[in-house]
Amino acid sequence: MSKPSNFFASLLLLSLSAVAAYGQAKDLPGSKDSPLVSRYPGQIIQEYKTHAFDEYKFPIGIVTKEGEPKTQTIEGKVTRISYTNPEGRSSLEIDRNFETALKNAGFETVFSCKGDACGLTRFYATADWADVWYGVGHYQYSGKLSRPEGDVYVSVHVAKDYTIVDTIETKAMEGGLVLAPTLKSDLGRSGHVAVYGIHFDTGKSEVKPDSMPAILQIVMLLQQDAKLKLFVVGHTDTVGALAANLELSKQRAQAVAQVIAGQGIDASRLQSYGAGPYSPVSTNDTDAGRALNRRVELVKQ
């Protein structure tokens, strides 16, 4: 397991620089609180980083004999905010305040523990998202907020001198930005290609305006090869009734074909079909997997 070289140094700084931070009372330049949960009064941002799309091991159980807490791997936008704690406030008080605030915001508790009940003192990490559970005086809260646009997970680790708040906003990796060359190569190699830059509202078949960059790439592909004909195939995840998903995927495929034809492409070169949840490319047991399964594919005729 890889260990970020600056991680232990960062933890040391969190503890040793706490007094200095209290005196300066200034956040790390460029940092800000999460819009989902504010800081405990008097805390100062010591570390701040965010990745638009990354993998994170979300704690859902105590540290096992293998040396890591039981985790669920989540993909999405990951943001870490590390605070120094104010003097005169216990880690218990800070933890209870965060937990209450998150529950009031609609988060459901996935896992929580305190002190030795969290398991042995061990190191665990996923790329940049490393942490240490010490035991006495440490608290962990893991919560989940379900939203139509993508679930949000929050991990709060409170220690004596610092608090780490990690938020993971699940979503599919942004796609459809530079498509034309890869569309052509993937169609030539495998005969089909998934396009993730085409968006719909939940349960709807109308193509959203922000899908046009991806649509125009498909138009360009068809313009460059006048003999190319495509099946436009809609796919869904397994959420909801099977019959409804099959019909929705068909309607979405038809809508995409209509928008493409509206850009001057002969409609006879496009045939639309709905596959519903019958051809997944990932698991339907996770938010990230379901996001990958909700897609439009182009299949060479």
C-alpha atoms as a PDB file:
ATOM      1  CA  MET A   1       0.000   0.000   0.000  1.00  0.00           C
ATOM      2  CA  SER A   2       1.445   3.366  -0.993  1.00  0.00           C
ATOM      3  CA  LYS A   3       1.921   6.005   1.697  1.00  0.00           C
ATOM      4  CA  PRO A   4       1.978   9.675   0.687  1.00  0.00           C
ATOM      5  CA  SER A   5       5.415  10.974   1.567  1.00  0.00           C
ATOM      6  CA  ASN A   6       4.126  14.160   3.121  1.00  0.00           C
ATOM      7  CA  PHE A   7       1.311  12.596   5.124  1.00  0.00           C
ATOM      8  CA  PHE A   8       3.040  12.055   8.471  1.00  0.00           C
ATOM      9  CA  ALA A   9       4.681  15.465   8.143  1.00  0.00           C
ATOM     10  CA  SER A  10       1.234  16.956   7.590  1.00  0.00           C
ATOM     11  CA  LEU A  11      -0.122  15.229  10.696  1.00  0.00           C
ATOM     12  CA  LEU A  12       2.815  16.515  12.703  1.00  0.00           C
ATOM     13  CA  LEU A  13       2.152  20.016  11.458  1.00  0.00           C
ATOM     14  CA  LEU A  14      -1.480  19.716  12.409  1.00  0.00           C
ATOM     15  CA  SER A  15      -0.484  19.124  16.003  1.00  0.00           C
ATOM     16  CA  LEU A  16       2.652  21.291  16.335  1.00  0.00           C
ATOM     17  CA  SER A  17       1.305  24.300  14.484  1.00  0.00           C
ATOM     18  CA  ALA A  18      -1.999  24.410  16.341  1.00  0.00           C
ATOM     19  CA  VAL A  19      -0.789  27.040  18.811  1.00  0.00           C
ATOM     20  CA  ALA A  20       0.615  29.205  16.033  1.00  0.00           C
ATOM     21  CA  ALA A  21      -2.591  28.878  14.086  1.00  0.00           C
ATOM     22  CA  TYR A  22      -4.646  30.007  17.057  1.00  0.00           C
ATOM     23  CA  GLY A  23      -2.522  33.110  17.311  1.00  0.00           C
ATOM     24  CA  GLN A  24      -2.641  33.944  13.620  1.00  0.00           C
ATOM     25  CA  ALA A  25      -6.351  33.109  13.295  1.00  0.00           C
ATOM     26  CA  LYS A  26      -5.970  32.865   9.523  1.00  0.00           C
ATOM     27  CA  ASP A  27      -7.101  30.128   7.168  1.00  0.00           C
ATOM     28  CA  LEU A  28      -4.831  28.589   4.552  1.00  0.00           C
ATOM     29  CA  PRO A  29      -4.869  30.962   1.527  1.00  0.00           C
ATOM     30  CA  GLY A  30      -7.364  29.851  -1.104  1.00  0.00           C
ATOM     31  CA  SER A  31      -9.262  27.564   1.275  1.00  0.00           C
ATOM     32  CA  LYS A  32     -12.950  27.703   2.189  1.00  0.00           C
ATOM     33  CA  ASP A  33     -15.543  25.821   4.218  1.00  0.00           C
ATOM     34  CA  SER A  34     -17.672  23.146   2.625  1.00  0.00           C
ATOM     35  CA  PRO A  35     -21.108  24.415   1.492  1.00  0.00           C
ATOM     36  CA  LEU A  36     -22.557  21.286   3.109  1.00  0.00           C
ATOM     37  CA  VAL A  37     -21.276  21.808   6.646  1.00  0.00           C
ATOM     38  CA  SER A  38     -19.588  24.764   8.316  1.00  0.00           C
ATOM     39  CA  ARG A  39     -16.697  24.634  10.762  1.00  0.00           C
ATOM     40  CA  TYR A  40     -16.894  24.527  14.532  1.00  0.00           C
ATOM     41  CA  PRO A  41     -16.466  28.105  15.889  1.00  0.00           C
ATOM     42  CA  GLY A  42     -12.803  28.957  16.362  1.00  0.00           C
ATOM     43  CA  GLN A  43     -11.421  26.333  14.000  1.00  0.00           C
ATOM     44  CA  ILE A  44      -8.814  27.352  11.413  1.00  0.00           C
ATOM     45  CA  ILE A  45      -8.236  25.680   8.055  1.00  0.00           C
ATOM     46  CA  GLN A  46      -4.788  24.073   8.090  1.00  0.00           C
ATOM     47  CA  GLU A  47      -5.066  21.955   4.913  1.00  0.00           C
ATOM     48  CA  TYR A  48      -7.356  22.184   1.887  1.00  0.00           C
ATOM     49  CA  LYS A  49      -7.399  20.165  -1.332  1.00  0.00           C
ATOM     50  CA  THR A  50      -9.951  18.975  -3.846  1.00  0.00           C
ATOM     51  CA  HIS A  51      -9.982  16.654  -6.859  1.00  0.00           C
ATOM     52  CA  ALA A  52     -12.762  16.956  -9.453  1.00  0.00           C
ATOM     53  CA  PHE A  53     -12.860  13.156  -9.781  1.00  0.00           C
ATOM     54  CA  ASP A  54     -11.053  10.626  -7.618  1.00  0.00           C
ATOM     55  CA  GLU A  55     -11.414   7.410  -5.633  1.00  0.00           C
ATOM     56  CA  TYR A  56     -11.943   7.444  -1.869  1.00  0.00           C
ATOM     57  CA  LYS A  57     -12.127   4.689   0.729  1.00  0.00           C
ATOM     58  CA  PHE A  58     -15.113   5.704   2.850  1.00  0.00           C
ATOM     59  CA  PRO A  59     -14.999   4.337   6.446  1.00  0.00           C
ATOM     60  CA  ILE A  60     -18.007   2.169   7.293  1.00  0.00           C
ATOM     61  CA  GLY A  61     -16.551   0.032  10.102  1.00  0.00           C
ATOM     62  CA  ILE A  62     -13.829  -0.286  12.719  1.00  0.00           C
ATOM     63  CA  VAL A  63     -10.167  -0.918  11.975  1.00  0.00           C
ATOM     64  CA  THR A  64      -9.674  -4.622  11.309  1.00  0.00           C
ATOM     65  CA  LYS A  65      -6.711  -6.875  12.015  1.00  0.00           C
ATOM     66  CA  GLU A  66      -5.520  -6.178   8.462  1.00  0.00           C
ATOM     67  CA  GLY A  67      -4.816  -2.591   9.551  1.00  0.00           C
ATOM     68  CA  GLU A  68      -7.568  -0.629   7.794  1.00  0.00           C
ATOM     69  CA  PRO A  69     -11.091   0.277   8.741  1.00  0.00           C
ATOM     70  CA  LYS A  70     -13.834  -1.450   6.802  1.00  0.00           C
ATOM     71  CA  THR A  71     -14.441   0.808   3.805  1.00  0.00           C
ATOM     72  CA  GLN A  72     -16.633   1.382   0.784  1.00  0.00           C
ATOM     73  CA  THR A  73     -14.845   2.650  -2.312  1.00  0.00           C
ATOM     74  CA  ILE A  74     -16.567   5.748  -3.713  1.00  0.00           C
ATOM     75  CA  GLU A  75     -15.751   7.789  -6.815  1.00  0.00           C
ATOM     76  CA  GLY A  76     -16.573  11.444  -7.360  1.00  0.00           C
ATOM     77  CA  LYS A  77     -15.452  14.935  -6.400  1.00  0.00           C
ATOM     78  CA  VAL A  78     -13.375  14.651  -3.229  1.00  0.00           C
ATOM     79  CA  THR A  79     -12.598  17.599  -0.969  1.00  0.00           C
ATOM     80  CA  ARG A  80     -10.542  17.531   2.216  1.00  0.00           C
ATOM     81  CA  ILE A  81     -10.596  20.316   4.812  1.00  0.00           C
ATOM     82  CA  SER A  82      -8.365  19.929   7.883  1.00  0.00           C
ATOM     83  CA  TYR A  83      -8.964  22.308  10.771  1.00  0.00           C
ATOM     84  CA  THR A  84      -6.971  23.044  13.907  1.00  0.00           C
ATOM     85  CA  ASN A  85      -9.287  22.909  16.910  1.00  0.00           C
ATOM     86  CA  PRO A  86      -9.794  25.861  19.278  1.00  0.00           C
ATOM     87  CA  GLU A  87      -8.260  25.676  22.716  1.00  0.00           C
ATOM     88  CA  GLY A  88     -10.510  24.741  25.592  1.00  0.00           C
ATOM     89  CA  ARG A  89     -12.901  22.617  23.510  1.00  0.00           C
ATOM     90  CA  SER A  90     -12.981  18.840  23.758  1.00  0.00           C
ATOM     91  CA  SER A  91     -12.945  16.556  20.751  1.00  0.00           C
ATOM     92  CA  LEU A  92     -16.210  15.068  22.047  1.00  0.00           C
ATOM     93  CA  GLU A  93     -17.933  18.461  21.949  1.00  0.00           C
ATOM     94  CA  ILE A  94     -16.667  19.167  18.417  1.00  0.00           C
ATOM     95  CA  ASP A  95     -17.667  15.719  17.184  1.00  0.00           C
ATOM     96  CA  ARG A  96     -21.183  16.000  18.616  1.00  0.00           C
ATOM     97  CA  ASN A  97     -21.647  19.397  16.967  1.00  0.00           C
ATOM     98  CA  PHE A  98     -20.582  18.124  13.536  1.00  0.00           C
ATOM     99  CA  GLU A  99     -22.750  15.015  13.867  1.00  0.00           C
ATOM    100  CA  THR A 100     -25.807  17.037  14.918  1.00  0.00           C
ATOM    101  CA  ALA A 101     -25.315  19.568  12.116  1.00  0.00           C
ATOM    102  CA  LEU A 102     -25.021  16.835   9.474  1.00  0.00           C
ATOM    103  CA  LYS A 103     -28.092  14.987  10.741  1.00  0.00           C
ATOM    104  CA  ASN A 104     -30.057  18.243  10.717  1.00  0.00           C
ATOM    105  CA  ALA A 105     -28.948  18.734   7.101  1.00  0.00           C
ATOM    106  CA  GLY A 106     -30.494  15.377   6.162  1.00  0.00           C
ATOM    107  CA  PHE A 107     -27.471  13.068   6.411  1.00  0.00           C
ATOM    108  CA  GLU A 108     -28.059   9.522   7.588  1.00  0.00           C
ATOM    109  CA  THR A 109     -25.437   7.905   9.789  1.00  0.00           C
ATOM    110  CA  VAL A 110     -23.479   5.180   8.027  1.00  0.00           C
ATOM    111  CA  PHE A 111     -20.949   4.561  10.796  1.00  0.00           C
ATOM    112  CA  SER A 112     -19.655   6.246  13.932  1.00  0.00           C
ATOM    113  CA  CYS A 113     -17.232   5.327  16.697  1.00  0.00           C
ATOM    114  CA  LYS A 114     -15.106   6.848  19.419  1.00  0.00           C
ATOM    115  CA  GLY A 115     -11.774   6.083  21.019  1.00  0.00           C
ATOM    116  CA  ASP A 116     -10.697   2.466  21.307  1.00  0.00           C
ATOM    117  CA  ALA A 117     -14.047   1.340  19.877  1.00  0.00           C
ATOM    118  CA  CYS A 118     -12.782   2.529  16.468  1.00  0.00           C
ATOM    119  CA  GLY A 119     -10.203  -0.263  16.471  1.00  0.00           C
ATOM    120  CA  LEU A 120      -6.426  -0.423  16.564  1.00  0.00           C
ATOM    121  CA  THR A 121      -4.193   2.533  15.771  1.00  0.00           C
ATOM    122  CA  ARG A 122      -3.323   2.002  12.112  1.00  0.00           C
ATOM    123  CA  PHE A 123      -2.555   3.926   8.955  1.00  0.00           C
ATOM    124  CA  TYR A 124      -4.777   3.756   5.883  1.00  0.00           C
ATOM    125  CA  ALA A 125      -4.810   5.725   2.638  1.00  0.00           C
ATOM    126  CA  THR A 126      -6.279   6.101  -0.809  1.00  0.00           C
ATOM    127  CA  ALA A 127      -3.892   8.178  -2.903  1.00  0.00           C
ATOM    128  CA  ASP A 128      -4.046  11.691  -1.401  1.00  0.00           C
ATOM    129  CA  TRP A 129      -6.693  10.855   1.180  1.00  0.00           C
ATOM    130  CA  ALA A 130      -4.716   9.467   4.115  1.00  0.00           C
ATOM    131  CA  ASP A 131      -5.683   9.375   7.786  1.00  0.00           C
ATOM    132  CA  VAL A 132      -4.665   7.863  11.140  1.00  0.00           C
ATOM    133  CA  TRP A 133      -7.025   6.664  13.857  1.00  0.00           C
ATOM    134  CA  TYR A 134      -5.357   6.916  17.243  1.00  0.00           C
ATOM    135  CA  GLY A 135      -7.968   5.579  19.639  1.00  0.00           C
ATOM    136  CA  VAL A 136      -8.345   7.589  22.864  1.00  0.00           C
ATOM    137  CA  GLY A 137      -9.741  11.065  22.230  1.00  0.00           C
ATOM    138  CA  HIS A 138     -10.528  10.389  18.579  1.00  0.00           C
ATOM    139  CA  TYR A 139     -13.978  10.248  16.992  1.00  0.00           C
ATOM    140  CA  GLN A 140     -15.194   9.159  13.556  1.00  0.00           C
ATOM    141  CA  TYR A 141     -18.507   9.956  11.898  1.00  0.00           C
ATOM    142  CA  SER A 142     -19.483   8.755   8.394  1.00  0.00           C
ATOM    143  CA  GLY A 143     -22.725  10.047   6.877  1.00  0.00           C
ATOM    144  CA  LYS A 144     -24.600   9.958   3.575  1.00  0.00           C
ATOM    145  CA  LEU A 145     -26.997  12.447   1.961  1.00  0.00           C
ATOM    146  CA  SER A 146     -29.142  11.129  -0.913  1.00  0.00           C
ATOM    147  CA  ARG A 147     -29.789  13.642  -3.716  1.00  0.00           C
ATOM    148  CA  PRO A 148     -31.251  13.292  -7.233  1.00  0.00           C
ATOM    149  CA  GLU A 149     -28.124  14.844  -8.742  1.00  0.00           C
ATOM    150  CA  GLY A 150     -25.821  12.448  -6.890  1.00  0.00           C
ATOM    151  CA  ASP A 151     -25.300  11.258  -3.319  1.00  0.00           C
ATOM    152  CA  VAL A 152     -22.898  13.023  -0.961  1.00  0.00           C
ATOM    153  CA  TYR A 153     -20.753  11.238   1.614  1.00  0.00           C
ATOM    154  CA  VAL A 154     -19.044  13.007   4.522  1.00  0.00           C
ATOM    155  CA  SER A 155     -16.310  11.597   6.750  1.00  0.00           C
ATOM    156  CA  VAL A 156     -15.513  13.594   9.897  1.00  0.00           C
ATOM    157  CA  HIS A 157     -12.496  12.573  11.983  1.00  0.00           C
ATOM    158  CA  VAL A 158     -12.077  14.579  15.184  1.00  0.00           C
ATOM    159  CA  ALA A 159      -8.855  14.385  17.208  1.00  0.00           C
ATOM    160  CA  LYS A 160      -7.612  16.415  20.148  1.00  0.00           C
ATOM    161  CA  ASP A 161      -5.892  19.111  18.077  1.00  0.00           C
ATOM    162  CA  TYR A 162      -7.449  18.815  14.617  1.00  0.00           C
ATOM    163  CA  THR A 163     -10.540  17.830  12.662  1.00  0.00           C
ATOM    164  CA  ILE A 164     -10.556  16.360   9.138  1.00  0.00           C
ATOM    165  CA  VAL A 165     -13.706  16.769   7.043  1.00  0.00           C
ATOM    166  CA  ASP A 166     -13.773  14.822   3.762  1.00  0.00           C
ATOM    167  CA  THR A 167     -16.714  15.217   1.375  1.00  0.00           C
ATOM    168  CA  ILE A 168     -17.301  12.987  -1.656  1.00  0.00           C
ATOM    169  CA  GLU A 169     -19.880  14.138  -4.204  1.00  0.00           C
ATOM    170  CA  THR A 170     -20.669  11.176  -6.439  1.00  0.00           C
ATOM    171  CA  LYS A 171     -20.976  11.755 -10.160  1.00  0.00           C
ATOM    172  CA  ALA A 172     -19.800  10.225 -13.398  1.00  0.00           C
ATOM    173  CA  MET A 173     -16.417  11.326 -14.655  1.00  0.00           C
ATOM    174  CA  GLU A 174     -16.922  14.311 -16.936  1.00  0.00           C
ATOM    175  CA  GLY A 175     -16.977  13.191 -20.527  1.00  0.00           C
ATOM    176  CA  GLY A 176     -17.953  14.376 -23.939  1.00  0.00           C
ATOM    177  CA  LEU A 177     -15.330  17.112 -24.031  1.00  0.00           C
ATOM    178  CA  VAL A 178     -12.896  15.889 -26.701  1.00  0.00           C
ATOM    179  CA  LEU A 179     -14.758  13.157 -28.502  1.00  0.00           C
ATOM    180  CA  ALA A 180     -14.404  13.095 -32.288  1.00  0.00           C
ATOM    181  CA  PRO A 181     -11.021  11.277 -32.578  1.00  0.00           C
ATOM    182  CA  THR A 182     -11.850   8.744 -29.859  1.00  0.00           C
ATOM    183  CA  LEU A 183     -15.330   8.153 -31.245  1.00  0.00           C
ATOM    184  CA  LYS A 184     -13.850   7.224 -34.602  1.00  0.00           C
ATOM    185  CA  SER A 185     -11.092   5.044 -33.171  1.00  0.00           C
ATOM    186  CA  ASP A 186     -13.384   3.211 -30.713  1.00  0.00           C
ATOM    187  CA  LEU A 187     -15.994   2.550 -33.382  1.00  0.00           C
ATOM    188  CA  GLY A 188     -13.282   1.187 -35.658  1.00  0.00           C
ATOM    189  CA  ARG A 189     -11.774  -0.989 -32.934  1.00  0.00           C
ATOM    190  CA  SER A 190     -14.817  -2.373 -31.090  1.00  0.00           C
ATOM    191  CA  GLY A 191     -17.790  -1.266 -33.149  1.00  0.00           C
ATOM    192  CA  HIS A 192     -19.339   0.750 -30.321  1.00  0.00           C
ATOM    193  CA  VAL A 193     -18.543   3.649 -27.994  1.00  0.00           C
ATOM    194  CA  ALA A 194     -20.226   5.083 -24.875  1.00  0.00           C
ATOM    195  CA  VAL A 195     -20.884   8.829 -24.801  1.00  0.00           C
ATOM    196  CA  TYR A 196     -21.163  10.327 -21.294  1.00  0.00           C
ATOM    197  CA  GLY A 197     -21.506  13.958 -22.325  1.00  0.00           C
ATOM    198  CA  ILE A 198     -25.230  13.607 -23.085  1.00  0.00           C
ATOM    199  CA  HIS A 199     -27.387  14.541 -20.106  1.00  0.00           C
ATOM    200  CA  PHE A 200     -31.012  14.115 -19.032  1.00  0.00           C
ATOM    201  CA  ASP A 201     -32.968  15.014 -15.946  1.00  0.00           C
ATOM    202  CA  THR A 202     -33.903  12.045 -13.739  1.00  0.00           C
ATOM    203  CA  GLY A 203     -36.707  10.062 -15.345  1.00  0.00           C
ATOM    204  CA  LYS A 204     -36.878  12.393 -18.348  1.00  0.00           C
ATOM    205  CA  SER A 205     -35.965  11.934 -22.008  1.00  0.00           C
ATOM    206  CA  GLU A 206     -35.410  15.540 -23.088  1.00  0.00           C
ATOM    207  CA  VAL A 207     -31.779  16.167 -24.035  1.00  0.00           C
ATOM    208  CA  LYS A 208     -30.394  18.932 -21.801  1.00  0.00           C
ATOM    209  CA  PRO A 209     -28.767  21.986 -23.445  1.00  0.00           C
ATOM    210  CA  ASP A 210     -25.360  21.257 -21.903  1.00  0.00           C
ATOM    211  CA  SER A 211     -25.249  18.091 -24.037  1.00  0.00           C
ATOM    212  CA  MET A 212     -24.616  20.015 -27.251  1.00  0.00           C
ATOM    213  CA  PRO A 213     -20.777  19.795 -27.182  1.00  0.00           C
ATOM    214  CA  ALA A 214     -21.062  15.981 -27.239  1.00  0.00           C
ATOM    215  CA  ILE A 215     -23.867  16.050 -29.811  1.00  0.00           C
ATOM    216  CA  LEU A 216     -21.814  18.257 -32.134  1.00  0.00           C
ATOM    217  CA  GLN A 217     -18.883  15.841 -31.904  1.00  0.00           C
ATOM    218  CA  ILE A 218     -21.180  13.044 -33.119  1.00  0.00           C
ATOM    219  CA  VAL A 219     -22.409  15.300 -35.919  1.00  0.00           C
ATOM    220  CA  MET A 220     -18.804  15.999 -36.904  1.00  0.00           C
ATOM    221  CA  LEU A 221     -18.060  12.268 -36.969  1.00  0.00           C
ATOM    222  CA  LEU A 222     -21.002  11.635 -39.294  1.00  0.00           C
ATOM    223  CA  GLN A 223     -20.060  14.566 -41.507  1.00  0.00           C
ATOM    224  CA  GLN A 224     -16.523  13.227 -41.910  1.00  0.00           C
ATOM    225  CA  ASP A 225     -17.774   9.801 -43.039  1.00  0.00           C
ATOM    226  CA  ALA A 226     -20.825  10.079 -45.287  1.00  0.00           C
ATOM    227  CA  LYS A 227     -21.233   6.266 -45.385  1.00  0.00           C
ATOM    228  CA  LEU A 228     -21.317   5.829 -41.620  1.00  0.00           C
ATOM    229  CA  LYS A 229     -24.622   4.713 -40.112  1.00  0.00           C
ATOM    230  CA  LEU A 230     -25.224   4.357 -36.391  1.00  0.00           C
ATOM    231  CA  PHE A 231     -27.481   2.633 -33.916  1.00  0.00           C
ATOM    232  CA  VAL A 232     -28.156   5.074 -31.057  1.00  0.00           C
ATOM    233  CA  VAL A 233     -28.738   2.931 -27.954  1.00  0.00           C
ATOM    234  CA  GLY A 234     -29.999   4.204 -24.610  1.00  0.00           C
ATOM    235  CA  HIS A 235     -28.999   2.500 -21.339  1.00  0.00           C
ATOM    236  CA  THR A 236     -30.211   2.894 -17.750  1.00  0.00           C
ATOM    237  CA  ASP A 237     -29.287   1.600 -14.318  1.00  0.00           C
ATOM    238  CA  THR A 238     -31.500  -0.847 -12.387  1.00  0.00           C
ATOM    239  CA  VAL A 239     -33.273   1.741 -10.234  1.00  0.00           C
ATOM    240  CA  GLY A 240     -37.028   1.615 -10.886  1.00  0.00           C
ATOM    241  CA  ALA A 241     -39.268  -0.802 -12.753  1.00  0.00           C
ATOM    242  CA  LEU A 242     -37.795  -2.758 -15.658  1.00  0.00           C
ATOM    243  CA  ALA A 243     -40.545  -1.824 -18.107  1.00  0.00           C
ATOM    244  CA  ALA A 244     -40.200   1.856 -17.268  1.00  0.00           C
ATOM    245  CA  ASN A 245     -36.420   1.734 -17.724  1.00  0.00           C
ATOM    246  CA  LEU A 246     -36.744   0.031 -21.090  1.00  0.00           C
ATOM    247  CA  GLU A 247     -39.193   2.670 -22.299  1.00  0.00           C
ATOM    248  CA  LEU A 248     -37.089   5.523 -20.877  1.00  0.00           C
ATOM    249  CA  SER A 249     -33.924   4.257 -22.564  1.00  0.00           C
ATOM    250  CA  LYS A 250     -35.793   3.999 -25.872  1.00  0.00           C
ATOM    251  CA  GLN A 251     -37.181   7.527 -25.556  1.00  0.00           C
ATOM    252  CA  ARG A 252     -33.756   8.935 -24.698  1.00  0.00           C
ATOM    253  CA  ALA A 253     -32.165   7.237 -27.691  1.00  0.00           C
ATOM    254  CA  GLN A 254     -34.901   8.612 -29.945  1.00  0.00           C
ATOM    255  CA  ALA A 255     -34.415  12.096 -28.518  1.00  0.00           C
ATOM    256  CA  VAL A 256     -30.660  11.977 -29.158  1.00  0.00           C
ATOM    257  CA  ALA A 257     -31.182  10.784 -32.734  1.00  0.00           C
ATOM    258  CA  GLN A 258     -33.645  13.620 -33.321  1.00  0.00           C
ATOM    259  CA  VAL A 259     -31.232  16.241 -32.019  1.00  0.00           C
ATOM    260  CA  ILE A 260     -28.435  14.865 -34.232  1.00  0.00           C
ATOM    261  CA  ALA A 261     -30.730  14.871 -37.269  1.00  0.00           C
ATOM    262  CA  GLY A 262     -31.666  18.449 -36.415  1.00  0.00           C
ATOM    263  CA  GLN A 263     -28.043  19.429 -37.072  1.00  0.00           C
ATOM    264  CA  GLY A 264     -28.361  18.513 -40.762  1.00  0.00           C
ATOM    265  CA  ILE A 265     -27.694  14.766 -40.596  1.00  0.00           C
ATOM    266  CA  ASP A 266     -29.953  12.477 -42.665  1.00  0.00           C
ATOM    267  CA  ALA A 267     -32.247  10.755 -40.151  1.00  0.00           C
ATOM    268  CA  SER A 268     -32.076   7.506 -42.169  1.00  0.00           C
ATOM    269  CA  ARG A 269     -28.468   7.098 -41.009  1.00  0.00           C
ATOM    270  CA  LEU A 270     -29.637   6.745 -37.390  1.00  0.00           C
ATOM    271  CA  GLN A 271     -31.714   4.011 -35.737  1.00  0.00           C
ATOM    272  CA  SER A 272     -32.585   4.292 -32.043  1.00  0.00           C
ATOM    273  CA  TYR A 273     -33.098   1.488 -29.530  1.00  0.00           C
ATOM    274  CA  GLY A 274     -33.484   1.141 -25.766  1.00  0.00           C
ATOM    275  CA  ALA A 275     -31.553  -1.510 -23.846  1.00  0.00           C
ATOM    276  CA  GLY A 276     -32.661  -0.424 -20.365  1.00  0.00           C
ATOM    277  CA  PRO A 277     -30.453  -2.069 -17.706  1.00  0.00           C
ATOM    278  CA  TYR A 278     -29.630  -5.146 -19.809  1.00  0.00           C
ATOM    279  CA  SER A 279     -26.051  -4.209 -20.730  1.00  0.00           C
ATOM    280  CA  PRO A 280     -24.265  -2.650 -17.736  1.00  0.00           C
ATOM    281  CA  VAL A 281     -20.621  -1.606 -17.890  1.00  0.00           C
ATOM    282  CA  SER A 282     -20.263  -1.417 -14.104  1.00  0.00           C
ATOM    283  CA  THR A 283     -21.943  -2.564 -10.902  1.00  0.00           C
ATOM    284  CA  ASN A 284     -25.375  -1.205 -10.035  1.00  0.00           C
ATOM    285  CA  ASP A 285     -24.573  -1.537  -6.324  1.00  0.00           C
ATOM    286  CA  THR A 286     -22.789   1.831  -6.099  1.00  0.00           C
ATOM    287  CA  ASP A 287     -23.669   5.391  -7.111  1.00  0.00           C
ATOM    288  CA  ALA A 288     -20.580   5.668  -9.310  1.00  0.00           C
ATOM    289  CA  GLY A 289     -21.376   2.377 -11.035  1.00  0.00           C
ATOM    290  CA  ARG A 290     -24.968   3.369 -11.723  1.00  0.00           C
ATOM    291  CA  ALA A 291     -23.760   6.680 -13.174  1.00  0.00           C
ATOM    292  CA  LEU A 292     -21.589   4.779 -15.647  1.00  0.00           C
ATOM    293  CA  ASN A 293     -24.481   2.519 -16.634  1.00  0.00           C
ATOM    294  CA  ARG A 294     -26.724   5.495 -17.439  1.00  0.00           C
ATOM    295  CA  ARG A 295     -25.336   6.277 -20.868  1.00  0.00           C
ATOM    296  CA  VAL A 296     -25.918   6.582 -24.600  1.00  0.00           C
ATOM    297  CA  GLU A 297     -23.901   4.309 -26.858  1.00  0.00           C
ATOM    298  CA  LEU A 298     -23.180   4.590 -30.568  1.00  0.00           C
ATOM    299  CA  VAL A 299     -23.004   1.263 -32.394  1.00  0.00           C
ATOM    300  CA  LYS A 300     -21.718   1.000 -35.962  1.00  0.00           C
ATOM    301  CA  GLN A 301     -24.310  -0.486 -38.319  1.00  0.00           C
END
